[in-house]
Structures are given as structure tokens and as C-alpha cells.
PDB file of N, CA and C in Angstrom:
ATOM      1  N   MET A   1     -54.979 -57.235 -16.967  1.00  0.00           N
ATOM      2  CA  MET A   1     -54.160 -57.015 -18.140  1.00  0.00           C
ATOM      3  C   MET A   1     -54.953 -56.364 -19.265  1.00  0.00           C
ATOM      4  N   SER A   2     -56.183 -56.751 -19.430  1.00  0.00           N
ATOM      5  CA  SER A   2     -56.980 -56.211 -20.534  1.00  0.00           C
ATOM      6  C   SER A   2     -57.197 -54.711 -20.406  1.00  0.00           C
ATOM      7  N   VAL A   3     -57.398 -54.214 -19.173  1.00  0.00           N
ATOM      8  CA  VAL A   3     -57.640 -52.782 -19.004  1.00  0.00           C
ATOM      9  C   VAL A   3     -56.438 -51.987 -19.472  1.00  0.00           C
ATOM     10  N   ARG A   4     -55.254 -52.410 -19.069  1.00  0.00           N
ATOM     11  CA  ARG A   4     -54.046 -51.678 -19.474  1.00  0.00           C
ATOM     12  C   ARG A   4     -53.860 -51.753 -20.988  1.00  0.00           C
ATOM     13  N   TYR A   5     -54.094 -52.924 -21.561  1.00  0.00           N
ATOM     14  CA  TYR A   5     -54.000 -53.060 -23.018  1.00  0.00           C
ATOM     15  C   TYR A   5     -54.992 -52.115 -23.694  1.00  0.00           C
ATOM     16  N   LEU A   6     -56.239 -52.103 -23.218  1.00  0.00           N
ATOM     17  CA  LEU A   6     -57.262 -51.266 -23.834  1.00  0.00           C
ATOM     18  C   LEU A   6     -56.930 -49.788 -23.697  1.00  0.00           C
ATOM     19  N   GLU A   7     -56.452 -49.368 -22.526  1.00  0.00           N
ATOM     20  CA  GLU A   7     -56.055 -47.968 -22.342  1.00  0.00           C
ATOM     21  C   GLU A   7     -54.954 -47.593 -23.326  1.00  0.00           C
ATOM     22  N   THR A   8     -53.963 -48.448 -23.442  1.00  0.00           N
ATOM     23  CA  THR A   8     -52.855 -48.197 -24.371  1.00  0.00           C
ATOM     24  C   THR A   8     -53.337 -48.194 -25.810  1.00  0.00           C
ATOM     25  N   PHE A   9     -54.171 -49.153 -26.145  1.00  0.00           N
ATOM     26  CA  PHE A   9     -54.691 -49.269 -27.513  1.00  0.00           C
ATOM     27  C   PHE A   9     -55.395 -47.986 -27.925  1.00  0.00           C
ATOM     28  N   PHE A  10     -56.337 -47.524 -27.111  1.00  0.00           N
ATOM     29  CA  PHE A  10     -57.100 -46.328 -27.476  1.00  0.00           C
ATOM     30  C   PHE A  10     -56.222 -45.081 -27.467  1.00  0.00           C
ATOM     31  N   ALA A  11     -55.248 -45.000 -26.575  1.00  0.00           N
ATOM     32  CA  ALA A  11     -54.330 -43.854 -26.554  1.00  0.00           C
ATOM     33  C   ALA A  11     -53.476 -43.821 -27.816  1.00  0.00           C
ATOM     34  N   GLU A  12     -52.986 -44.982 -28.243  1.00  0.00           N
ATOM     35  CA  GLU A  12     -52.127 -45.043 -29.426  1.00  0.00           C
ATOM     36  C   GLU A  12     -52.892 -44.794 -30.718  1.00  0.00           C
ATOM     37  N   LYS A  13     -54.164 -45.141 -30.745  1.00  0.00           N
ATOM     38  CA  LYS A  13     -54.961 -44.935 -31.962  1.00  0.00           C
ATOM     39  C   LYS A  13     -55.333 -43.482 -32.152  1.00  0.00           C
ATOM     40  N   ASP A  14     -55.260 -42.694 -31.080  1.00  0.00           N
ATOM     41  CA  ASP A  14     -55.526 -41.261 -31.151  1.00  0.00           C
ATOM     42  C   ASP A  14     -56.868 -40.975 -31.840  1.00  0.00           C
ATOM     43  N   LEU A  15     -57.892 -41.709 -31.408  1.00  0.00           N
ATOM     44  CA  LEU A  15     -59.231 -41.531 -31.955  1.00  0.00           C
ATOM     45  C   LEU A  15     -59.863 -40.275 -31.366  1.00  0.00           C
ATOM     46  N   ASP A  16     -60.706 -39.628 -32.134  1.00  0.00           N
ATOM     47  CA  ASP A  16     -61.454 -38.480 -31.623  1.00  0.00           C
ATOM     48  C   ASP A  16     -62.668 -39.027 -30.885  1.00  0.00           C
ATOM     49  N   LEU A  17     -62.535 -39.203 -29.576  1.00  0.00           N
ATOM     50  CA  LEU A  17     -63.594 -39.808 -28.778  1.00  0.00           C
ATOM     51  C   LEU A  17     -64.755 -38.854 -28.524  1.00  0.00           C
ATOM     52  N   ASP A  18     -64.591 -37.585 -28.902  1.00  0.00           N
ATOM     53  CA  ASP A  18     -65.693 -36.629 -28.799  1.00  0.00           C
ATOM     54  C   ASP A  18     -66.586 -36.672 -30.036  1.00  0.00           C
ATOM     55  N   GLN A  19     -66.096 -37.288 -31.097  1.00  0.00           N
ATOM     56  CA  GLN A  19     -66.890 -37.428 -32.320  1.00  0.00           C
ATOM     57  C   GLN A  19     -68.124 -38.274 -32.005  1.00  0.00           C
ATOM     58  N   THR A  20     -69.256 -37.908 -32.583  1.00  0.00           N
ATOM     59  CA  THR A  20     -70.492 -38.615 -32.291  1.00  0.00           C
ATOM     60  C   THR A  20     -70.970 -39.443 -33.480  1.00  0.00           C
ATOM     61  N   PHE A  21     -71.846 -40.379 -33.174  1.00  0.00           N
ATOM     62  CA  PHE A  21     -72.509 -41.183 -34.198  1.00  0.00           C
ATOM     63  C   PHE A  21     -73.940 -41.420 -33.749  1.00  0.00           C
ATOM     64  N   GLU A  22     -74.794 -41.791 -34.685  1.00  0.00           N
ATOM     65  CA  GLU A  22     -76.188 -42.082 -34.364  1.00  0.00           C
ATOM     66  C   GLU A  22     -76.405 -43.580 -34.359  1.00  0.00           C
ATOM     67  N   VAL A  23     -77.188 -44.019 -33.393  1.00  0.00           N
ATOM     68  CA  VAL A  23     -77.510 -45.441 -33.293  1.00  0.00           C
ATOM     69  C   VAL A  23     -78.929 -45.559 -32.730  1.00  0.00           C
ATOM     70  N   ALA A  24     -79.680 -46.519 -33.269  1.00  0.00           N
ATOM     71  CA  ALA A  24     -81.043 -46.747 -32.783  1.00  0.00           C
ATOM     72  C   ALA A  24     -81.000 -47.673 -31.577  1.00  0.00           C
ATOM     73  N   GLY A  25     -81.752 -47.310 -30.553  1.00  0.00           N
ATOM     74  CA  GLY A  25     -81.857 -48.142 -29.366  1.00  0.00           C
ATOM     75  C   GLY A  25     -82.945 -49.188 -29.530  1.00  0.00           C
ATOM     76  N   PRO A  26     -83.120 -50.053 -28.539  1.00  0.00           N
ATOM     77  CA  PRO A  26     -84.125 -51.116 -28.602  1.00  0.00           C
ATOM     78  C   PRO A  26     -85.551 -50.588 -28.795  1.00  0.00           C
ATOM     79  N   SER A  27     -85.807 -49.370 -28.315  1.00  0.00           N
ATOM     80  CA  SER A  27     -87.140 -48.790 -28.445  1.00  0.00           C
ATOM     81  C   SER A  27     -87.361 -48.159 -29.814  1.00  0.00           C
ATOM     82  N   GLY A  28     -86.296 -48.137 -30.639  1.00  0.00           N
ATOM     83  CA  GLY A  28     -86.387 -47.507 -31.949  1.00  0.00           C
ATOM     84  C   GLY A  28     -86.008 -46.035 -31.927  1.00  0.00           C
ATOM     85  N   THR A  29     -85.724 -45.512 -30.747  1.00  0.00           N
ATOM     86  CA  THR A  29     -85.313 -44.124 -30.601  1.00  0.00           C
ATOM     87  C   THR A  29     -83.863 -43.971 -31.050  1.00  0.00           C
ATOM     88  N   TRP A  30     -83.600 -42.898 -31.797  1.00  0.00           N
ATOM     89  CA  TRP A  30     -82.233 -42.635 -32.227  1.00  0.00           C
ATOM     90  C   TRP A  30     -81.457 -41.966 -31.106  1.00  0.00           C
ATOM     91  N   ASN A  31     -80.231 -42.394 -30.927  1.00  0.00           N
ATOM     92  CA  ASN A  31     -79.342 -41.852 -29.905  1.00  0.00           C
ATOM     93  C   ASN A  31     -78.134 -41.222 -30.595  1.00  0.00           C
ATOM     94  N   LEU A  32     -77.740 -40.050 -30.155  1.00  0.00           N
ATOM     95  CA  LEU A  32     -76.510 -39.410 -30.596  1.00  0.00           C
ATOM     96  C   LEU A  32     -75.492 -39.686 -29.506  1.00  0.00           C
ATOM     97  N   MET A  33     -74.450 -40.427 -29.844  1.00  0.00           N
ATOM     98  CA  MET A  33     -73.529 -40.932 -28.826  1.00  0.00           C
ATOM     99  C   MET A  33     -72.072 -40.634 -29.219  1.00  0.00           C
ATOM    100  N   PRO A  34     -71.283 -40.099 -28.295  1.00  0.00           N
ATOM    101  CA  PRO A  34     -69.854 -39.943 -28.569  1.00  0.00           C
ATOM    102  C   PRO A  34     -69.143 -41.291 -28.445  1.00  0.00           C
ATOM    103  N   TYR A  35     -68.119 -41.479 -29.243  1.00  0.00           N
ATOM    104  CA  TYR A  35     -67.338 -42.716 -29.165  1.00  0.00           C
ATOM    105  C   TYR A  35     -66.753 -42.903 -27.770  1.00  0.00           C
ATOM    106  N   GLY A  36     -66.462 -41.794 -27.088  1.00  0.00           N
ATOM    107  CA  GLY A  36     -65.905 -41.867 -25.743  1.00  0.00           C
ATOM    108  C   GLY A  36     -66.811 -42.585 -24.761  1.00  0.00           C
ATOM    109  N   VAL A  37     -68.117 -42.470 -24.950  1.00  0.00           N
ATOM    110  CA  VAL A  37     -69.061 -43.163 -24.068  1.00  0.00           C
ATOM    111  C   VAL A  37     -68.910 -44.676 -24.230  1.00  0.00           C
ATOM    112  N   VAL A  38     -68.732 -45.111 -25.460  1.00  0.00           N
ATOM    113  CA  VAL A  38     -68.550 -46.546 -25.710  1.00  0.00           C
ATOM    114  C   VAL A  38     -67.249 -47.016 -25.059  1.00  0.00           C
ATOM    115  N   VAL A  39     -66.197 -46.232 -25.213  1.00  0.00           N
ATOM    116  CA  VAL A  39     -64.911 -46.603 -24.608  1.00  0.00           C
ATOM    117  C   VAL A  39     -65.032 -46.642 -23.087  1.00  0.00           C
ATOM    118  N   GLU A  40     -65.746 -45.696 -22.502  1.00  0.00           N
ATOM    119  CA  GLU A  40     -65.957 -45.703 -21.045  1.00  0.00           C
ATOM    120  C   GLU A  40     -66.659 -46.983 -20.607  1.00  0.00           C
ATOM    121  N   HIS A  41     -67.647 -47.411 -21.366  1.00  0.00           N
ATOM    122  CA  HIS A  41     -68.364 -48.647 -21.032  1.00  0.00           C
ATOM    123  C   HIS A  41     -67.468 -49.875 -21.198  1.00  0.00           C
ATOM    124  N   ILE A  42     -66.588 -49.832 -22.166  1.00  0.00           N
ATOM    125  CA  ILE A  42     -65.631 -50.937 -22.327  1.00  0.00           C
ATOM    126  C   ILE A  42     -64.748 -51.029 -21.086  1.00  0.00           C
ATOM    127  N   MET A  43     -64.316 -49.873 -20.574  1.00  0.00           N
ATOM    128  CA  MET A  43     -63.401 -49.857 -19.437  1.00  0.00           C
ATOM    129  C   MET A  43     -64.053 -50.324 -18.138  1.00  0.00           C
ATOM    130  N   ILE A  44     -65.386 -50.262 -18.041  1.00  0.00           N
ATOM    131  CA  ILE A  44     -66.051 -50.734 -16.831  1.00  0.00           C
ATOM    132  C   ILE A  44     -66.723 -52.099 -17.024  1.00  0.00           C
ATOM    133  N   ALA A  45     -66.517 -52.679 -18.190  1.00  0.00           N
ATOM    134  CA  ALA A  45     -67.077 -54.008 -18.455  1.00  0.00           C
ATOM    135  C   ALA A  45     -66.348 -55.045 -17.601  1.00  0.00           C
ATOM    136  N   SER A  46     -66.921 -56.221 -17.530  1.00  0.00           N
ATOM    137  CA  SER A  46     -66.287 -57.299 -16.759  1.00  0.00           C
ATOM    138  C   SER A  46     -64.961 -57.682 -17.420  1.00  0.00           C
ATOM    139  N   PRO A  47     -64.048 -58.254 -16.650  1.00  0.00           N
ATOM    140  CA  PRO A  47     -62.768 -58.680 -17.224  1.00  0.00           C
ATOM    141  C   PRO A  47     -62.949 -59.651 -18.407  1.00  0.00           C
ATOM    142  N   ALA A  48     -63.922 -60.533 -18.326  1.00  0.00           N
ATOM    143  CA  ALA A  48     -64.159 -61.480 -19.427  1.00  0.00           C
ATOM    144  C   ALA A  48     -64.598 -60.738 -20.694  1.00  0.00           C
ATOM    145  N   GLU A  49     -65.492 -59.762 -20.546  1.00  0.00           N
ATOM    146  CA  GLU A  49     -65.937 -58.974 -21.695  1.00  0.00           C
ATOM    147  C   GLU A  49     -64.791 -58.150 -22.261  1.00  0.00           C
ATOM    148  N   GLN A  50     -63.985 -57.566 -21.366  1.00  0.00           N
ATOM    149  CA  GLN A  50     -62.835 -56.781 -21.825  1.00  0.00           C
ATOM    150  C   GLN A  50     -61.866 -57.643 -22.617  1.00  0.00           C
ATOM    151  N   GLN A  51     -61.671 -58.856 -22.168  1.00  0.00           N
ATOM    152  CA  GLN A  51     -60.760 -59.759 -22.861  1.00  0.00           C
ATOM    153  C   GLN A  51     -61.275 -60.080 -24.270  1.00  0.00           C
ATOM    154  N   LYS A  52     -62.580 -60.317 -24.388  1.00  0.00           N
ATOM    155  CA  LYS A  52     -63.175 -60.595 -25.698  1.00  0.00           C
ATOM    156  C   LYS A  52     -63.069 -59.379 -26.605  1.00  0.00           C
ATOM    157  N   ILE A  53     -63.374 -58.199 -26.062  1.00  0.00           N
ATOM    158  CA  ILE A  53     -63.287 -56.963 -26.845  1.00  0.00           C
ATOM    159  C   ILE A  53     -61.853 -56.718 -27.292  1.00  0.00           C
ATOM    160  N   ALA A  54     -60.890 -56.921 -26.391  1.00  0.00           N
ATOM    161  CA  ALA A  54     -59.475 -56.730 -26.737  1.00  0.00           C
ATOM    162  C   ALA A  54     -59.070 -57.671 -27.867  1.00  0.00           C
ATOM    163  N   GLY A  55     -59.539 -58.906 -27.824  1.00  0.00           N
ATOM    164  CA  GLY A  55     -59.226 -59.860 -28.891  1.00  0.00           C
ATOM    165  C   GLY A  55     -59.784 -59.418 -30.228  1.00  0.00           C
ATOM    166  N   ILE A  56     -61.006 -58.919 -30.229  1.00  0.00           N
ATOM    167  CA  ILE A  56     -61.617 -58.433 -31.471  1.00  0.00           C
ATOM    168  C   ILE A  56     -60.871 -57.211 -31.982  1.00  0.00           C
ATOM    169  N   LEU A  57     -60.515 -56.296 -31.072  1.00  0.00           N
ATOM    170  CA  LEU A  57     -59.762 -55.104 -31.490  1.00  0.00           C
ATOM    171  C   LEU A  57     -58.410 -55.478 -32.095  1.00  0.00           C
ATOM    172  N   ARG A  58     -57.769 -56.479 -31.531  1.00  0.00           N
ATOM    173  CA  ARG A  58     -56.486 -56.931 -32.093  1.00  0.00           C
ATOM    174  C   ARG A  58     -56.668 -57.422 -33.529  1.00  0.00           C
ATOM    175  N   ARG A  59     -57.712 -58.215 -33.746  1.00  0.00           N
ATOM    176  CA  ARG A  59     -57.950 -58.749 -35.095  1.00  0.00           C
ATOM    177  C   ARG A  59     -58.294 -57.631 -36.074  1.00  0.00           C
ATOM    178  N   ILE A  60     -59.128 -56.690 -35.638  1.00  0.00           N
ATOM    179  CA  ILE A  60     -59.482 -55.559 -36.499  1.00  0.00           C
ATOM    180  C   ILE A  60     -58.241 -54.743 -36.825  1.00  0.00           C
ATOM    181  N   ASP A  61     -57.425 -54.462 -35.818  1.00  0.00           N
ATOM    182  CA  ASP A  61     -56.216 -53.666 -36.017  1.00  0.00           C
ATOM    183  C   ASP A  61     -55.237 -54.382 -36.939  1.00  0.00           C
ATOM    184  N   PHE A  62     -55.068 -55.678 -36.758  1.00  0.00           N
ATOM    185  CA  PHE A  62     -54.148 -56.452 -37.588  1.00  0.00           C
ATOM    186  C   PHE A  62     -54.568 -56.411 -39.061  1.00  0.00           C
ATOM    187  N   ALA A  63     -55.873 -56.398 -39.295  1.00  0.00           N
ATOM    188  CA  ALA A  63     -56.390 -56.374 -40.665  1.00  0.00           C
ATOM    189  C   ALA A  63     -56.593 -54.955 -41.187  1.00  0.00           C
ATOM    190  N   ASN A  64     -56.122 -53.959 -40.425  1.00  0.00           N
ATOM    191  CA  ASN A  64     -56.311 -52.549 -40.776  1.00  0.00           C
ATOM    192  C   ASN A  64     -57.782 -52.223 -40.981  1.00  0.00           C
ATOM    193  N   GLY A  65     -58.618 -52.817 -40.143  1.00  0.00           N
ATOM    194  CA  GLY A  65     -60.060 -52.603 -40.217  1.00  0.00           C
ATOM    195  C   GLY A  65     -60.480 -51.307 -39.552  1.00  0.00           C
ATOM    196  N   ASP A  66     -61.778 -51.059 -39.582  1.00  0.00           N
ATOM    197  CA  ASP A  66     -62.361 -49.828 -39.050  1.00  0.00           C
ATOM    198  C   ASP A  66     -62.764 -50.027 -37.593  1.00  0.00           C
ATOM    199  N   ILE A  67     -61.971 -49.504 -36.702  1.00  0.00           N
ATOM    200  CA  ILE A  67     -62.231 -49.616 -35.270  1.00  0.00           C
ATOM    201  C   ILE A  67     -63.509 -48.882 -34.891  1.00  0.00           C
ATOM    202  N   LEU A  68     -63.756 -47.740 -35.540  1.00  0.00           N
ATOM    203  CA  LEU A  68     -64.951 -46.970 -35.227  1.00  0.00           C
ATOM    204  C   LEU A  68     -66.214 -47.744 -35.592  1.00  0.00           C
ATOM    205  N   HIS A  69     -66.153 -48.542 -36.641  1.00  0.00           N
ATOM    206  CA  HIS A  69     -67.295 -49.387 -37.009  1.00  0.00           C
ATOM    207  C   HIS A  69     -67.623 -50.348 -35.868  1.00  0.00           C
ATOM    208  N   PHE A  70     -66.592 -50.944 -35.279  1.00  0.00           N
ATOM    209  CA  PHE A  70     -66.792 -51.849 -34.154  1.00  0.00           C
ATOM    210  C   PHE A  70     -67.355 -51.107 -32.944  1.00  0.00           C
ATOM    211  N   LEU A  71     -66.861 -49.898 -32.684  1.00  0.00           N
ATOM    212  CA  LEU A  71     -67.380 -49.116 -31.564  1.00  0.00           C
ATOM    213  C   LEU A  71     -68.846 -48.747 -31.791  1.00  0.00           C
ATOM    214  N   ARG A  72     -69.215 -48.454 -33.059  1.00  0.00           N
ATOM    215  CA  ARG A  72     -70.631 -48.179 -33.348  1.00  0.00           C
ATOM    216  C   ARG A  72     -71.470 -49.420 -33.075  1.00  0.00           C
ATOM    217  N   HIS A  73     -70.945 -50.580 -33.423  1.00  0.00           N
ATOM    218  CA  HIS A  73     -71.643 -51.847 -33.145  1.00  0.00           C
ATOM    219  C   HIS A  73     -71.853 -52.011 -31.641  1.00  0.00           C
ATOM    220  N   LEU A  74     -70.819 -51.773 -30.854  1.00  0.00           N
ATOM    221  CA  LEU A  74     -70.943 -51.879 -29.399  1.00  0.00           C
ATOM    222  C   LEU A  74     -71.912 -50.839 -28.840  1.00  0.00           C
ATOM    223  N   GLY A  75     -71.989 -49.688 -29.487  1.00  0.00           N
ATOM    224  CA  GLY A  75     -72.890 -48.630 -29.046  1.00  0.00           C
ATOM    225  C   GLY A  75     -74.346 -49.058 -29.046  1.00  0.00           C
ATOM    226  N   LYS A  76     -74.684 -49.999 -29.922  1.00  0.00           N
ATOM    227  CA  LYS A  76     -76.068 -50.496 -29.972  1.00  0.00           C
ATOM    228  C   LYS A  76     -76.480 -51.120 -28.642  1.00  0.00           C
ATOM    229  N   ALA A  77     -75.527 -51.720 -27.945  1.00  0.00           N
ATOM    230  CA  ALA A  77     -75.831 -52.408 -26.681  1.00  0.00           C
ATOM    231  C   ALA A  77     -76.133 -51.423 -25.548  1.00  0.00           C
ATOM    232  N   ILE A  78     -75.675 -50.196 -25.662  1.00  0.00           N
ATOM    233  CA  ILE A  78     -75.887 -49.237 -24.576  1.00  0.00           C
ATOM    234  C   ILE A  78     -76.854 -48.136 -24.953  1.00  0.00           C
ATOM    235  N   ALA A  79     -77.379 -48.175 -26.185  1.00  0.00           N
ATOM    236  CA  ALA A  79     -78.325 -47.158 -26.617  1.00  0.00           C
ATOM    237  C   ALA A  79     -79.649 -47.324 -25.873  1.00  0.00           C
ATOM    238  N   ARG A  80     -80.344 -46.236 -25.690  1.00  0.00           N
ATOM    239  CA  ARG A  80     -81.654 -46.260 -25.013  1.00  0.00           C
ATOM    240  C   ARG A  80     -82.755 -46.492 -26.000  1.00  0.00           C
TER     241      ARG A  80
END
């Protein structure tokens, strides 16, 4: 269920997933990463992780928060 919700969520938000952001990896190296890479990693995450991410996205969306800020936060976990 979470995958379908997440696919629908990102499609409805019409985010520019080609837009990039910079994030420092664990080694201190800066990474230039498209938001789409973060979304791809969300889609291949475990069902439990997807469920947690979907819950956070719901709360952010309900509060009219910045979804891209959350995606940048998640990007830290996959940065090199």
C-alpha cells in the first residue's frame, strides 16, 4: 500500500525531480543530488521504511510544510 501511496503522492505534488541540491556525505565530500534519486531510494526501501516515510510526508503535507526539505534530509543518508 505504501508504494502506491508514495507514487501517487509524488505524482500529485508535481515536484521537479530533476532539480538538484547539495548535501555533505559522511566523508565530508559534497554531493550534488537530484531529488529524483532520493525518491528512487524511497521506492526501493523496505515496506516498513516506506510506511514511516509516508507517515512523515502526510504530516508535512497536512501542515503545508516543505517536502523538499524532508527529501534533502533523506538525501544525507545516501550521500557518499
